[in-house]
Structure formats: structure tokens, C-alpha cells
Amino acid sequence: MELMIIIYMLIFVIFILIALPIMQLKLSGIKVKDFWTFIEANQMLDKLYIFSKKYEKMSPQEQIIFLMEAEKVFTAFDKIPQVIWEEEYQKYSEVLNTYKNIRVLRWASN
């Protein structure tokens, strides 16, 4: 009997630990799906940041892939308040500048 009470209390604590962050996201106006997409985009931002350092050496196919992935990252970051991701602003800015440069290069070549 005591074991069942302990198990129920542990399940209740786990439920509370999951529910509180979800409630905080909803109260701040962020959808859970958008926040999860932001987390994935943040990981992709790190990879794009590395590629942004050597964008002049990218092949046309690599540039297209970079542009597509960067657009996904920008979309995910737009759905989240900037206060949350201000630590990543320098990487975001660098990727955005590279995105713009590649777009201009591709536009000029067409």
C-alpha cells in the first residue's frame, strides 16, 4: 500500500514537472510546437554559422541547401521573442549576412 502511494506521488511530481514549463510557454504566447522547432533551428544555426565562414567556397548546390536551411531557421526564430534568443544574435546575424550575400551572388549570376 505504501509503495502504491509513493508511485502515485512520483507520477504526480513528474506530471507537474512537465506541465509547468508547458504552461509557462503558453502564458508567454509561444506554442509548444514553435518552441520545439526553435530548439531544432538553434542546433541548425550552429551548423550554418560554421558554413557561413566559407560561403565563397561553396558549390552552387551547397549554396542552395544553405539558403533553404537558413530560411527554415529564420522562420523558426521569427516565431519566438528575441529576448529568448538574444545570446545567439551574433550567429543569427552572421548567417543572415551570408544568406544575403549568396542571394545577391545568385541573382547577379542569373
Protein backbone atom coordinates (compact mmCIF):
# COMPACT_ATOMS: atom_id res chain seq x y z
CA MET A 1 0.00 0.00 0.00
CA GLU A 2 2.78 2.43 0.90
CA LEU A 3 4.57 1.54 -2.32
CA MET A 4 1.49 2.46 -4.37
CA ILE A 5 1.26 5.84 -2.63
CA ILE A 6 4.91 6.54 -3.38
CA ILE A 7 4.42 5.56 -7.04
CA TYR A 8 1.36 7.81 -7.36
CA MET A 9 3.24 10.71 -5.77
CA LEU A 10 6.18 10.22 -8.16
CA ILE A 11 3.82 10.18 -11.14
CA PHE A 12 2.17 13.35 -9.85
CA VAL A 13 5.55 15.09 -9.42
CA ILE A 14 6.61 14.07 -12.95
CA PHE A 15 3.31 15.40 -14.32
CA ILE A 16 3.85 18.72 -12.53
CA LEU A 17 7.44 18.95 -13.81
CA ILE A 18 6.19 18.54 -17.37
CA ALA A 19 3.10 20.73 -17.03
CA LEU A 20 4.84 23.79 -15.54
CA PRO A 21 7.16 24.53 -18.49
CA ILE A 22 4.31 23.94 -20.93
CA MET A 23 2.12 26.37 -19.00
CA GLN A 24 4.91 28.96 -18.94
CA LEU A 25 5.28 28.70 -22.71
CA LYS A 26 1.56 29.06 -23.25
CA LEU A 27 1.34 32.03 -20.87
CA SER A 28 4.11 33.80 -22.76
CA GLY A 29 2.21 33.26 -26.02
CA ILE A 30 4.52 30.65 -27.52
CA LYS A 31 3.19 27.43 -28.96
CA VAL A 32 4.97 24.29 -27.79
CA LYS A 33 5.45 23.17 -31.40
CA ASP A 34 7.03 26.53 -32.29
CA PHE A 35 9.36 26.30 -29.31
CA TRP A 36 10.43 22.78 -30.28
CA THR A 37 11.05 23.98 -33.85
CA PHE A 38 13.12 26.82 -32.39
CA ILE A 39 15.27 24.34 -30.44
CA GLU A 40 15.92 22.34 -33.62
CA ALA A 41 16.59 25.54 -35.57
CA ASN A 42 19.05 26.65 -32.91
CA GLN A 43 21.05 23.48 -33.49
CA MET A 44 20.93 24.08 -37.24
CA LEU A 45 22.04 27.69 -36.69
CA ASP A 46 25.29 26.43 -35.17
CA LYS A 47 25.97 24.34 -38.28
CA LEU A 48 25.04 27.16 -40.65
CA TYR A 49 27.27 29.54 -38.72
CA ILE A 50 30.25 27.31 -39.45
CA PHE A 51 29.34 27.18 -43.15
CA SER A 52 28.80 30.93 -43.28
CA LYS A 53 32.51 31.45 -42.68
CA LYS A 54 33.38 29.82 -46.01
CA TYR A 55 30.43 30.66 -48.25
CA GLU A 56 32.65 31.85 -51.11
CA LYS A 57 33.97 28.30 -51.50
CA MET A 58 30.52 26.67 -51.65
CA SER A 59 29.34 24.97 -54.79
CA PRO A 60 26.01 26.13 -56.28
CA GLN A 61 24.27 23.08 -54.79
CA GLU A 62 25.71 23.81 -51.35
CA GLN A 63 24.56 27.41 -51.67
CA ILE A 64 21.01 26.30 -52.46
CA ILE A 65 20.99 23.95 -49.48
CA PHE A 66 22.37 26.73 -47.28
CA LEU A 67 19.65 29.12 -48.46
CA MET A 68 16.86 26.58 -47.82
CA GLU A 69 18.12 25.68 -44.34
CA ALA A 70 18.69 29.33 -43.45
CA GLU A 71 15.09 30.18 -44.42
CA LYS A 72 13.85 27.42 -42.09
CA VAL A 73 15.98 28.83 -39.27
CA PHE A 74 14.76 32.38 -39.88
CA THR A 75 11.14 31.23 -39.87
CA ALA A 76 11.58 29.39 -36.57
CA PHE A 77 13.39 32.32 -34.95
CA ASP A 78 10.68 34.76 -36.09
CA LYS A 79 8.06 32.88 -34.06
CA ILE A 80 10.00 33.26 -30.80
CA PRO A 81 10.54 36.57 -28.95
CA GLN A 82 14.04 37.96 -29.44
CA VAL A 83 14.60 38.11 -25.68
CA ILE A 84 14.86 34.32 -25.62
CA TRP A 85 17.48 34.07 -28.34
CA GLU A 86 19.50 37.25 -27.86
CA GLU A 87 22.54 35.15 -26.89
CA GLU A 88 22.51 33.68 -30.39
CA TYR A 89 22.09 37.05 -32.12
CA GLN A 90 25.69 37.24 -33.34
CA LYS A 91 25.43 33.83 -35.05
CA TYR A 92 22.00 34.72 -36.43
CA SER A 93 23.34 37.99 -37.82
CA GLU A 94 26.34 36.29 -39.44
CA VAL A 95 24.13 33.65 -41.08
CA LEU A 96 21.71 36.37 -42.24
CA ASN A 97 24.55 38.36 -43.82
CA THR A 98 25.84 35.26 -45.60
CA TYR A 99 22.29 34.50 -46.74
CA LYS A 100 22.01 37.97 -48.22
CA ASN A 101 25.40 37.73 -49.92
CA ILE A 102 24.59 34.38 -51.51
CA ARG A 103 21.23 35.69 -52.71
CA VAL A 104 22.93 38.69 -54.31
CA LEU A 105 25.60 36.49 -55.93
CA ARG A 106 22.98 34.11 -57.31
CA TRP A 107 20.82 37.00 -58.52
CA ALA A 108 23.81 38.63 -60.22
CA SER A 109 24.80 35.39 -61.93
CA ASN A 110 21.30 34.94 -63.35
